[in-house]
Amino acid sequence: MADLSQLEKLKLWLDIPDSTQDAKLQMLLDTAESAIEERRGLPDNPMEQRWNMKQIEIAAYLYNKQGAEGETEHKENGVDRKYESASIPESMLADISPVARVIS
């Protein structure tokens, strides 16, 4: 599976067999990458490979949340939905550690 691109991995995760949504999925991957880079404090540096699965997790979350952005609570037929934030929840970013820098 190491030979698959991030886009291909996301499509597998979401069970999307064709390329009809590639542009949208790439945009979600880019959004996730930007969030990770921002959290790390390295917005001008490429995302480190160790965050690849986190990028896919965040992109999948954003994909699955389409149409319900910003929803804080929804109850219907025994299904309860709540969202932590209108964007990426803090719980998904919590394990991404910022880069420490020494000021000289």
PDB file of N, CA and C in Angstrom:
ATOM      1  N   MET A   1       0.821  -1.193   0.000  1.00  0.00           N
ATOM      2  CA  MET A   1       0.000   0.000   0.000  1.00  0.00           C
ATOM      3  C   MET A   1       0.865   1.257   0.000  1.00  0.00           C
ATOM      4  N   ALA A   2       2.148   1.099   0.208  1.00  0.00           N
ATOM      5  CA  ALA A   2       3.052   2.244   0.247  1.00  0.00           C
ATOM      6  C   ALA A   2       3.145   2.946  -1.103  1.00  0.00           C
ATOM      7  N   ASP A   3       2.807   2.258  -2.186  1.00  0.00           N
ATOM      8  CA  ASP A   3       2.913   2.848  -3.513  1.00  0.00           C
ATOM      9  C   ASP A   3       1.706   3.718  -3.874  1.00  0.00           C
ATOM     10  N   LEU A   4       0.663   3.687  -3.061  1.00  0.00           N
ATOM     11  CA  LEU A   4      -0.534   4.465  -3.359  1.00  0.00           C
ATOM     12  C   LEU A   4      -0.339   5.922  -2.966  1.00  0.00           C
ATOM     13  N   SER A   5      -0.917   6.806  -3.763  1.00  0.00           N
ATOM     14  CA  SER A   5      -0.876   8.223  -3.426  1.00  0.00           C
ATOM     15  C   SER A   5      -1.863   8.506  -2.300  1.00  0.00           C
ATOM     16  N   GLN A   6      -1.745   9.684  -1.713  1.00  0.00           N
ATOM     17  CA  GLN A   6      -2.686  10.077  -0.665  1.00  0.00           C
ATOM     18  C   GLN A   6      -4.113  10.084  -1.214  1.00  0.00           C
ATOM     19  N   LEU A   7      -4.277  10.556  -2.441  1.00  0.00           N
ATOM     20  CA  LEU A   7      -5.597  10.583  -3.068  1.00  0.00           C
ATOM     21  C   LEU A   7      -6.150   9.169  -3.218  1.00  0.00           C
ATOM     22  N   GLU A   8      -5.329   8.244  -3.680  1.00  0.00           N
ATOM     23  CA  GLU A   8      -5.778   6.861  -3.849  1.00  0.00           C
ATOM     24  C   GLU A   8      -6.134   6.223  -2.497  1.00  0.00           C
ATOM     25  N   LYS A   9      -5.358   6.512  -1.480  1.00  0.00           N
ATOM     26  CA  LYS A   9      -5.658   5.979  -0.144  1.00  0.00           C
ATOM     27  C   LYS A   9      -6.976   6.537   0.384  1.00  0.00           C
ATOM     28  N   LEU A  10      -7.204   7.840   0.177  1.00  0.00           N
ATOM     29  CA  LEU A  10      -8.451   8.450   0.624  1.00  0.00           C
ATOM     30  C   LEU A  10      -9.640   7.835  -0.108  1.00  0.00           C
ATOM     31  N   LYS A  11      -9.500   7.602  -1.402  1.00  0.00           N
ATOM     32  CA  LYS A  11     -10.576   6.984  -2.170  1.00  0.00           C
ATOM     33  C   LYS A  11     -10.867   5.573  -1.665  1.00  0.00           C
ATOM     34  N   LEU A  12      -9.852   4.833  -1.294  1.00  0.00           N
ATOM     35  CA  LEU A  12     -10.064   3.500  -0.706  1.00  0.00           C
ATOM     36  C   LEU A  12     -10.789   3.621   0.625  1.00  0.00           C
ATOM     37  N   TRP A  13     -10.355   4.555   1.454  1.00  0.00           N
ATOM     38  CA  TRP A  13     -10.952   4.769   2.775  1.00  0.00           C
ATOM     39  C   TRP A  13     -12.443   5.072   2.639  1.00  0.00           C
ATOM     40  N   LEU A  14     -12.780   5.911   1.659  1.00  0.00           N
ATOM     41  CA  LEU A  14     -14.161   6.349   1.469  1.00  0.00           C
ATOM     42  C   LEU A  14     -14.957   5.442   0.527  1.00  0.00           C
ATOM     43  N   ASP A  15     -14.300   4.419  -0.021  1.00  0.00           N
ATOM     44  CA  ASP A  15     -14.940   3.481  -0.949  1.00  0.00           C
ATOM     45  C   ASP A  15     -15.476   4.208  -2.184  1.00  0.00           C
ATOM     46  N   ILE A  16     -14.613   5.034  -2.781  1.00  0.00           N
ATOM     47  CA  ILE A  16     -14.949   5.758  -4.012  1.00  0.00           C
ATOM     48  C   ILE A  16     -14.138   5.120  -5.140  1.00  0.00           C
ATOM     49  N   PRO A  17     -14.797   4.364  -6.039  1.00  0.00           N
ATOM     50  CA  PRO A  17     -14.062   3.568  -7.028  1.00  0.00           C
ATOM     51  C   PRO A  17     -13.579   4.321  -8.269  1.00  0.00           C
ATOM     52  N   ASP A  18     -14.165   5.483  -8.559  1.00  0.00           N
ATOM     53  CA  ASP A  18     -13.809   6.167  -9.799  1.00  0.00           C
ATOM     54  C   ASP A  18     -13.142   7.513  -9.523  1.00  0.00           C
ATOM     55  N   SER A  19     -12.931   8.277 -10.577  1.00  0.00           N
ATOM     56  CA  SER A  19     -12.215   9.545 -10.435  1.00  0.00           C
ATOM     57  C   SER A  19     -13.132  10.766 -10.513  1.00  0.00           C
ATOM     58  N   THR A  20     -14.441  10.565 -10.386  1.00  0.00           N
ATOM     59  CA  THR A  20     -15.383  11.669 -10.545  1.00  0.00           C
ATOM     60  C   THR A  20     -15.254  12.735  -9.463  1.00  0.00           C
ATOM     61  N   GLN A  21     -14.702  12.369  -8.303  1.00  0.00           N
ATOM     62  CA  GLN A  21     -14.590  13.329  -7.201  1.00  0.00           C
ATOM     63  C   GLN A  21     -13.137  13.674  -6.870  1.00  0.00           C
ATOM     64  N   ASP A  22     -12.229  13.361  -7.757  1.00  0.00           N
ATOM     65  CA  ASP A  22     -10.809  13.563  -7.471  1.00  0.00           C
ATOM     66  C   ASP A  22     -10.464  15.003  -7.097  1.00  0.00           C
ATOM     67  N   ALA A  23     -11.014  15.970  -7.809  1.00  0.00           N
ATOM     68  CA  ALA A  23     -10.689  17.372  -7.517  1.00  0.00           C
ATOM     69  C   ALA A  23     -11.157  17.749  -6.118  1.00  0.00           C
ATOM     70  N   LYS A  24     -12.361  17.342  -5.752  1.00  0.00           N
ATOM     71  CA  LYS A  24     -12.883  17.629  -4.417  1.00  0.00           C
ATOM     72  C   LYS A  24     -12.056  16.927  -3.339  1.00  0.00           C
ATOM     73  N   LEU A  25     -11.719  15.671  -3.576  1.00  0.00           N
ATOM     74  CA  LEU A  25     -10.936  14.923  -2.597  1.00  0.00           C
ATOM     75  C   LEU A  25      -9.541  15.526  -2.435  1.00  0.00           C
ATOM     76  N   GLN A  26      -8.953  15.968  -3.544  1.00  0.00           N
ATOM     77  CA  GLN A  26      -7.635  16.608  -3.457  1.00  0.00           C
ATOM     78  C   GLN A  26      -7.713  17.905  -2.666  1.00  0.00           C
ATOM     79  N   MET A  27      -8.800  18.653  -2.861  1.00  0.00           N
ATOM     80  CA  MET A  27      -8.987  19.886  -2.100  1.00  0.00           C
ATOM     81  C   MET A  27      -9.077  19.572  -0.597  1.00  0.00           C
ATOM     82  N   LEU A  28      -9.779  18.507  -0.235  1.00  0.00           N
ATOM     83  CA  LEU A  28      -9.885  18.122   1.171  1.00  0.00           C
ATOM     84  C   LEU A  28      -8.532  17.683   1.726  1.00  0.00           C
ATOM     85  N   LEU A  29      -7.761  16.963   0.915  1.00  0.00           N
ATOM     86  CA  LEU A  29      -6.405  16.579   1.340  1.00  0.00           C
ATOM     87  C   LEU A  29      -5.533  17.823   1.539  1.00  0.00           C
ATOM     88  N   ASP A  30      -5.654  18.787   0.640  1.00  0.00           N
ATOM     89  CA  ASP A  30      -4.887  20.033   0.768  1.00  0.00           C
ATOM     90  C   ASP A  30      -5.292  20.801   2.017  1.00  0.00           C
ATOM     91  N   THR A  31      -6.592  20.819   2.307  1.00  0.00           N
ATOM     92  CA  THR A  31      -7.092  21.485   3.509  1.00  0.00           C
ATOM     93  C   THR A  31      -6.535  20.813   4.754  1.00  0.00           C
ATOM     94  N   ALA A  32      -6.551  19.487   4.760  1.00  0.00           N
ATOM     95  CA  ALA A  32      -6.017  18.736   5.902  1.00  0.00           C
ATOM     96  C   ALA A  32      -4.519  18.984   6.065  1.00  0.00           C
ATOM     97  N   GLU A  33      -3.799  19.002   4.955  1.00  0.00           N
ATOM     98  CA  GLU A  33      -2.357  19.261   5.002  1.00  0.00           C
ATOM     99  C   GLU A  33      -2.076  20.650   5.567  1.00  0.00           C
ATOM    100  N   SER A  34      -2.835  21.630   5.133  1.00  0.00           N
ATOM    101  CA  SER A  34      -2.656  22.994   5.638  1.00  0.00           C
ATOM    102  C   SER A  34      -2.918  23.065   7.142  1.00  0.00           C
ATOM    103  N   ALA A  35      -3.941  22.361   7.602  1.00  0.00           N
ATOM    104  CA  ALA A  35      -4.262  22.352   9.025  1.00  0.00           C
ATOM    105  C   ALA A  35      -3.133  21.720   9.834  1.00  0.00           C
ATOM    106  N   ILE A  36      -2.563  20.645   9.314  1.00  0.00           N
ATOM    107  CA  ILE A  36      -1.459  19.980  10.000  1.00  0.00           C
ATOM    108  C   ILE A  36      -0.232  20.883  10.027  1.00  0.00           C
ATOM    109  N   GLU A  37       0.097  21.483   8.899  1.00  0.00           N
ATOM    110  CA  GLU A  37       1.258  22.386   8.834  1.00  0.00           C
ATOM    111  C   GLU A  37       1.074  23.571   9.771  1.00  0.00           C
ATOM    112  N   GLU A  38      -0.133  24.114   9.807  1.00  0.00           N
ATOM    113  CA  GLU A  38      -0.425  25.245  10.701  1.00  0.00           C
ATOM    114  C   GLU A  38      -0.281  24.834  12.158  1.00  0.00           C
ATOM    115  N   ARG A  39      -0.791  23.664  12.482  1.00  0.00           N
ATOM    116  CA  ARG A  39      -0.701  23.163  13.859  1.00  0.00           C
ATOM    117  C   ARG A  39       0.759  22.948  14.266  1.00  0.00           C
ATOM    118  N   ARG A  40       1.559  22.466  13.329  1.00  0.00           N
ATOM    119  CA  ARG A  40       2.982  22.227  13.595  1.00  0.00           C
ATOM    120  C   ARG A  40       3.752  23.540  13.679  1.00  0.00           C
ATOM    121  N   GLY A  41       3.184  24.617  13.180  1.00  0.00           N
ATOM    122  CA  GLY A  41       3.890  25.896  13.171  1.00  0.00           C
ATOM    123  C   GLY A  41       4.846  26.003  12.004  1.00  0.00           C
ATOM    124  N   LEU A  42       4.600  25.208  10.965  1.00  0.00           N
ATOM    125  CA  LEU A  42       5.472  25.182   9.789  1.00  0.00           C
ATOM    126  C   LEU A  42       4.667  25.378   8.507  1.00  0.00           C
ATOM    127  N   PRO A  43       3.939  26.479   8.387  1.00  0.00           N
ATOM    128  CA  PRO A  43       3.077  26.646   7.211  1.00  0.00           C
ATOM    129  C   PRO A  43       3.823  26.769   5.886  1.00  0.00           C
ATOM    130  N   ASP A  44       5.099  27.079   5.919  1.00  0.00           N
ATOM    131  CA  ASP A  44       5.856  27.232   4.673  1.00  0.00           C
ATOM    132  C   ASP A  44       6.703  26.018   4.341  1.00  0.00           C
ATOM    133  N   ASN A  45       6.610  24.969   5.151  1.00  0.00           N
ATOM    134  CA  ASN A  45       7.384  23.750   4.931  1.00  0.00           C
ATOM    135  C   ASN A  45       6.459  22.611   4.538  1.00  0.00           C
ATOM    136  N   PRO A  46       6.936  21.670   3.725  1.00  0.00           N
ATOM    137  CA  PRO A  46       6.090  20.538   3.345  1.00  0.00           C
ATOM    138  C   PRO A  46       5.757  19.663   4.561  1.00  0.00           C
ATOM    139  N   MET A  47       4.573  19.080   4.537  1.00  0.00           N
ATOM    140  CA  MET A  47       4.139  18.216   5.629  1.00  0.00           C
ATOM    141  C   MET A  47       5.033  16.977   5.701  1.00  0.00           C
ATOM    142  N   GLU A  48       5.398  16.601   6.911  1.00  0.00           N
ATOM    143  CA  GLU A  48       6.226  15.411   7.109  1.00  0.00           C
ATOM    144  C   GLU A  48       5.400  14.159   6.837  1.00  0.00           C
ATOM    145  N   GLN A  49       6.047  13.125   6.309  1.00  0.00           N
ATOM    146  CA  GLN A  49       5.373  11.876   5.954  1.00  0.00           C
ATOM    147  C   GLN A  49       4.670  11.221   7.143  1.00  0.00           C
ATOM    148  N   ARG A  50       5.161  11.422   8.325  1.00  0.00           N
ATOM    149  CA  ARG A  50       4.556  10.755   9.478  1.00  0.00           C
ATOM    150  C   ARG A  50       3.124  11.218   9.733  1.00  0.00           C
ATOM    151  N   TRP A  51       2.704  12.307   9.105  1.00  0.00           N
ATOM    152  CA  TRP A  51       1.350  12.813   9.283  1.00  0.00           C
ATOM    153  C   TRP A  51       0.419  12.401   8.140  1.00  0.00           C
ATOM    154  N   ASN A  52       0.871  11.513   7.255  1.00  0.00           N
ATOM    155  CA  ASN A  52       0.066  11.118   6.097  1.00  0.00           C
ATOM    156  C   ASN A  52      -1.277  10.499   6.483  1.00  0.00           C
ATOM    157  N   MET A  53      -1.297   9.600   7.449  1.00  0.00           N
ATOM    158  CA  MET A  53      -2.570   8.979   7.842  1.00  0.00           C
ATOM    159  C   MET A  53      -3.475   9.989   8.534  1.00  0.00           C
ATOM    160  N   LYS A  54      -2.914  10.892   9.304  1.00  0.00           N
ATOM    161  CA  LYS A  54      -3.715  11.940   9.943  1.00  0.00           C
ATOM    162  C   LYS A  54      -4.344  12.824   8.865  1.00  0.00           C
ATOM    163  N   GLN A  55      -3.599  13.100   7.810  1.00  0.00           N
ATOM    164  CA  GLN A  55      -4.132  13.884   6.699  1.00  0.00           C
ATOM    165  C   GLN A  55      -5.347  13.177   6.086  1.00  0.00           C
ATOM    166  N   ILE A  56      -5.247  11.885   5.873  1.00  0.00           N
ATOM    167  CA  ILE A  56      -6.348  11.116   5.301  1.00  0.00           C
ATOM    168  C   ILE A  56      -7.537  11.086   6.257  1.00  0.00           C
ATOM    169  N   GLU A  57      -7.284  10.901   7.537  1.00  0.00           N
ATOM    170  CA  GLU A  57      -8.363  10.892   8.537  1.00  0.00           C
ATOM    171  C   GLU A  57      -9.126  12.219   8.532  1.00  0.00           C
ATOM    172  N   ILE A  58      -8.385  13.311   8.511  1.00  0.00           N
ATOM    173  CA  ILE A  58      -9.018  14.635   8.520  1.00  0.00           C
ATOM    174  C   ILE A  58      -9.801  14.861   7.223  1.00  0.00           C
ATOM    175  N   ALA A  59      -9.212  14.499   6.089  1.00  0.00           N
ATOM    176  CA  ALA A  59      -9.901  14.669   4.803  1.00  0.00           C
ATOM    177  C   ALA A  59     -11.181  13.828   4.760  1.00  0.00           C
ATOM    178  N   ALA A  60     -11.130  12.603   5.278  1.00  0.00           N
ATOM    179  CA  ALA A  60     -12.320  11.742   5.315  1.00  0.00           C
ATOM    180  C   ALA A  60     -13.391  12.352   6.216  1.00  0.00           C
ATOM    181  N   TYR A  61     -12.972  12.901   7.345  1.00  0.00           N
ATOM    182  CA  TYR A  61     -13.911  13.569   8.256  1.00  0.00           C
ATOM    183  C   TYR A  61     -14.613  14.722   7.534  1.00  0.00           C
ATOM    184  N   LEU A  62     -13.829  15.554   6.850  1.00  0.00           N
ATOM    185  CA  LEU A  62     -14.398  16.697   6.135  1.00  0.00           C
ATOM    186  C   LEU A  62     -15.334  16.245   5.010  1.00  0.00           C
ATOM    187  N   TYR A  63     -14.983  15.169   4.332  1.00  0.00           N
ATOM    188  CA  TYR A  63     -15.829  14.632   3.265  1.00  0.00           C
ATOM    189  C   TYR A  63     -17.171  14.153   3.827  1.00  0.00           C
ATOM    190  N   ASN A  64     -17.106  13.404   4.908  1.00  0.00           N
ATOM    191  CA  ASN A  64     -18.316  12.830   5.495  1.00  0.00           C
ATOM    192  C   ASN A  64     -19.218  13.873   6.141  1.00  0.00           C
ATOM    193  N   LYS A  65     -18.666  15.018   6.448  1.00  0.00           N
ATOM    194  CA  LYS A  65     -19.417  16.075   7.115  1.00  0.00           C
ATOM    195  C   LYS A  65     -20.084  17.039   6.130  1.00  0.00           C
ATOM    196  N   GLN A  66     -19.889  16.832   4.845  1.00  0.00           N
ATOM    197  CA  GLN A  66     -20.469  17.722   3.839  1.00  0.00           C
ATOM    198  C   GLN A  66     -21.981  17.811   3.991  1.00  0.00           C
ATOM    199  N   GLY A  67     -22.474  19.019   3.902  1.00  0.00           N
ATOM    200  CA  GLY A  67     -23.899  19.238   4.012  1.00  0.00           C
ATOM    201  C   GLY A  67     -24.370  19.453   5.436  1.00  0.00           C
ATOM    202  N   ALA A  68     -23.479  19.202   6.388  1.00  0.00           N
ATOM    203  CA  ALA A  68     -23.849  19.388   7.796  1.00  0.00           C
ATOM    204  C   ALA A  68     -22.811  20.255   8.493  1.00  0.00           C
ATOM    205  N   GLU A  69     -22.092  21.082   7.723  1.00  0.00           N
ATOM    206  CA  GLU A  69     -21.060  21.936   8.287  1.00  0.00           C
ATOM    207  C   GLU A  69     -21.641  22.817   9.385  1.00  0.00           C
ATOM    208  N   GLY A  70     -20.953  22.847  10.503  1.00  0.00           N
ATOM    209  CA  GLY A  70     -21.365  23.709  11.600  1.00  0.00           C
ATOM    210  C   GLY A  70     -22.482  23.149  12.452  1.00  0.00           C
ATOM    211  N   GLU A  71     -22.957  21.979  12.130  1.00  0.00           N
ATOM    212  CA  GLU A  71     -24.049  21.384  12.901  1.00  0.00           C
ATOM    213  C   GLU A  71     -23.602  21.139  14.334  1.00  0.00           C
ATOM    214  N   THR A  72     -24.384  21.584  15.283  1.00  0.00           N
ATOM    215  CA  THR A  72     -24.023  21.359  16.687  1.00  0.00           C
ATOM    216  C   THR A  72     -24.835  20.239  17.314  1.00  0.00           C
ATOM    217  N   GLU A  73     -26.018  19.975  16.786  1.00  0.00           N
ATOM    218  CA  GLU A  73     -26.793  18.849  17.293  1.00  0.00           C
ATOM    219  C   GLU A  73     -27.883  18.512  16.295  1.00  0.00           C
ATOM    220  N   HIS A  74     -28.131  17.223  16.125  1.00  0.00           N
ATOM    221  CA  HIS A  74     -29.163  16.755  15.205  1.00  0.00           C
ATOM    222  C   HIS A  74     -29.653  15.410  15.711  1.00  0.00           C
ATOM    223  N   LYS A  75     -30.933  15.298  15.955  1.00  0.00           N
ATOM    224  CA  LYS A  75     -31.524  14.036  16.402  1.00  0.00           C
ATOM    225  C   LYS A  75     -32.661  13.669  15.463  1.00  0.00           C
ATOM    226  N   GLU A  76     -32.573  12.451  14.933  1.00  0.00           N
ATOM    227  CA  GLU A  76     -33.606  11.987  14.023  1.00  0.00           C
ATOM    228  C   GLU A  76     -33.611  10.471  13.988  1.00  0.00           C
ATOM    229  N   ASN A  77     -34.760   9.873  14.230  1.00  0.00           N
ATOM    230  CA  ASN A  77     -34.916   8.416  14.176  1.00  0.00           C
ATOM    231  C   ASN A  77     -33.846   7.668  14.966  1.00  0.00           C
ATOM    232  N   GLY A  78     -33.542   8.151  16.136  1.00  0.00           N
ATOM    233  CA  GLY A  78     -32.564   7.482  16.990  1.00  0.00           C
ATOM    234  C   GLY A  78     -31.116   7.776  16.654  1.00  0.00           C
ATOM    235  N   VAL A  79     -30.874   8.628  15.690  1.00  0.00           N
ATOM    236  CA  VAL A  79     -29.504   9.007  15.318  1.00  0.00           C
ATOM    237  C   VAL A  79     -29.229  10.390  15.894  1.00  0.00           C
ATOM    238  N   ASP A  80     -28.163  10.495  16.668  1.00  0.00           N
ATOM    239  CA  ASP A  80     -27.763  11.774  17.254  1.00  0.00           C
ATOM    240  C   ASP A  80     -26.444  12.211  16.625  1.00  0.00           C
ATOM    241  N   ARG A  81     -26.397  13.446  16.140  1.00  0.00           N
ATOM    242  CA  ARG A  81     -25.164  13.999  15.570  1.00  0.00           C
ATOM    243  C   ARG A  81     -24.851  15.306  16.270  1.00  0.00           C
ATOM    244  N   LYS A  82     -23.600  15.478  16.615  1.00  0.00           N
ATOM    245  CA  LYS A  82     -23.101  16.736  17.166  1.00  0.00           C
ATOM    246  C   LYS A  82     -21.724  16.948  16.568  1.00  0.00           C
ATOM    247  N   TYR A  83     -21.366  18.183  16.367  1.00  0.00           N
ATOM    248  CA  TYR A  83     -20.031  18.480  15.872  1.00  0.00           C
ATOM    249  C   TYR A  83     -19.328  19.412  16.839  1.00  0.00           C
ATOM    250  N   GLU A  84     -18.092  19.102  17.059  1.00  0.00           N
ATOM    251  CA  GLU A  84     -17.251  19.837  17.984  1.00  0.00           C
ATOM    252  C   GLU A  84     -16.987  21.259  17.505  1.00  0.00           C
ATOM    253  N   SER A  85     -16.865  21.438  16.216  1.00  0.00           N
ATOM    254  CA  SER A  85     -16.612  22.755  15.641  1.00  0.00           C
ATOM    255  C   SER A  85     -17.087  22.751  14.200  1.00  0.00           C
ATOM    256  N   ALA A  86     -17.098  23.897  13.575  1.00  0.00           N
ATOM    257  CA  ALA A  86     -17.536  23.986  12.193  1.00  0.00           C
ATOM    258  C   ALA A  86     -16.440  23.540  11.235  1.00  0.00           C
ATOM    259  N   SER A  87     -15.258  23.346  11.726  1.00  0.00           N
ATOM    260  CA  SER A  87     -14.136  22.960  10.890  1.00  0.00           C
ATOM    261  C   SER A  87     -13.616  21.609  11.355  1.00  0.00           C
ATOM    262  N   ILE A  88     -12.319  21.511  11.555  1.00  0.00           N
ATOM    263  CA  ILE A  88     -11.694  20.278  12.016  1.00  0.00           C
ATOM    264  C   ILE A  88     -11.729  20.268  13.540  1.00  0.00           C
ATOM    265  N   PRO A  89     -12.275  19.231  14.146  1.00  0.00           N
ATOM    266  CA  PRO A  89     -12.367  19.212  15.602  1.00  0.00           C
ATOM    267  C   PRO A  89     -10.994  19.174  16.273  1.00  0.00           C
ATOM    268  N   GLU A  90     -10.919  19.816  17.398  1.00  0.00           N
ATOM    269  CA  GLU A  90      -9.674  19.855  18.168  1.00  0.00           C
ATOM    270  C   GLU A  90      -9.171  18.451  18.488  1.00  0.00           C
ATOM    271  N   SER A  91     -10.081  17.525  18.726  1.00  0.00           N
ATOM    272  CA  SER A  91      -9.672  16.160  19.071  1.00  0.00           C
ATOM    273  C   SER A  91      -8.870  15.496  17.951  1.00  0.00           C
ATOM    274  N   MET A  92      -9.101  15.894  16.695  1.00  0.00           N
ATOM    275  CA  MET A  92      -8.340  15.318  15.579  1.00  0.00           C
ATOM    276  C   MET A  92      -6.951  15.944  15.465  1.00  0.00           C
ATOM    277  N   LEU A  93      -6.800  17.140  16.003  1.00  0.00           N
ATOM    278  CA  LEU A  93      -5.524  17.847  15.914  1.00  0.00           C
ATOM    279  C   LEU A  93      -4.689  17.717  17.189  1.00  0.00           C
ATOM    280  N   ALA A  94      -5.289  17.168  18.240  1.00  0.00           N
ATOM    281  CA  ALA A  94      -4.652  17.164  19.557  1.00  0.00           C
ATOM    282  C   ALA A  94      -3.301  16.450  19.594  1.00  0.00           C
ATOM    283  N   ASP A  95      -3.129  15.398  18.811  1.00  0.00           N
ATOM    284  CA  ASP A  95      -1.862  14.661  18.859  1.00  0.00           C
ATOM    285  C   ASP A  95      -0.802  15.204  17.905  1.00  0.00           C
ATOM    286  N   ILE A  96      -1.097  16.296  17.230  1.00  0.00           N
ATOM    287  CA  ILE A  96      -0.119  16.934  16.339  1.00  0.00           C
ATOM    288  C   ILE A  96       0.631  17.971  17.163  1.00  0.00           C
ATOM    289  N   SER A  97       1.883  17.684  17.404  1.00  0.00           N
ATOM    290  CA  SER A  97       2.677  18.560  18.276  1.00  0.00           C
ATOM    291  C   SER A  97       3.339  19.678  17.486  1.00  0.00           C
ATOM    292  N   PRO A  98       3.279  20.902  18.024  1.00  0.00           N
ATOM    293  CA  PRO A  98       3.968  22.017  17.383  1.00  0.00           C
ATOM    294  C   PRO A  98       5.487  21.828  17.455  1.00  0.00           C
ATOM    295  N   VAL A  99       6.178  22.430  16.525  1.00  0.00           N
ATOM    296  CA  VAL A  99       7.636  22.384  16.524  1.00  0.00           C
ATOM    297  C   VAL A  99       8.138  23.440  17.491  1.00  0.00           C
ATOM    298  N   ALA A 100       8.996  23.025  18.407  1.00  0.00           N
ATOM    299  CA  ALA A 100       9.579  23.971  19.359  1.00  0.00           C
ATOM    300  C   ALA A 100      10.761  24.686  18.711  1.00  0.00           C
ATOM    301  N   ARG A 101      10.845  25.946  18.961  1.00  0.00           N
ATOM    302  CA  ARG A 101      11.955  26.728  18.410  1.00  0.00           C
ATOM    303  C   ARG A 101      12.631  27.485  19.531  1.00  0.00           C
ATOM    304  N   VAL A 102      13.927  27.654  19.402  1.00  0.00           N
ATOM    305  CA  VAL A 102      14.699  28.422  20.370  1.00  0.00           C
ATOM    306  C   VAL A 102      14.915  29.811  19.817  1.00  0.00           C
ATOM    307  N   ILE A 103      14.538  30.797  20.580  1.00  0.00           N
ATOM    308  CA  ILE A 103      14.733  32.179  20.161  1.00  0.00           C
ATOM    309  C   ILE A 103      16.099  32.633  20.671  1.00  0.00           C
ATOM    310  N   SER A 104      16.914  33.089  19.749  1.00  0.00           N
ATOM    311  CA  SER A 104      18.256  33.493  20.179  1.00  0.00           C
ATOM    312  C   SER A 104      18.441  34.985  20.100  1.00  0.00           C
TER     313      SER A 104
END
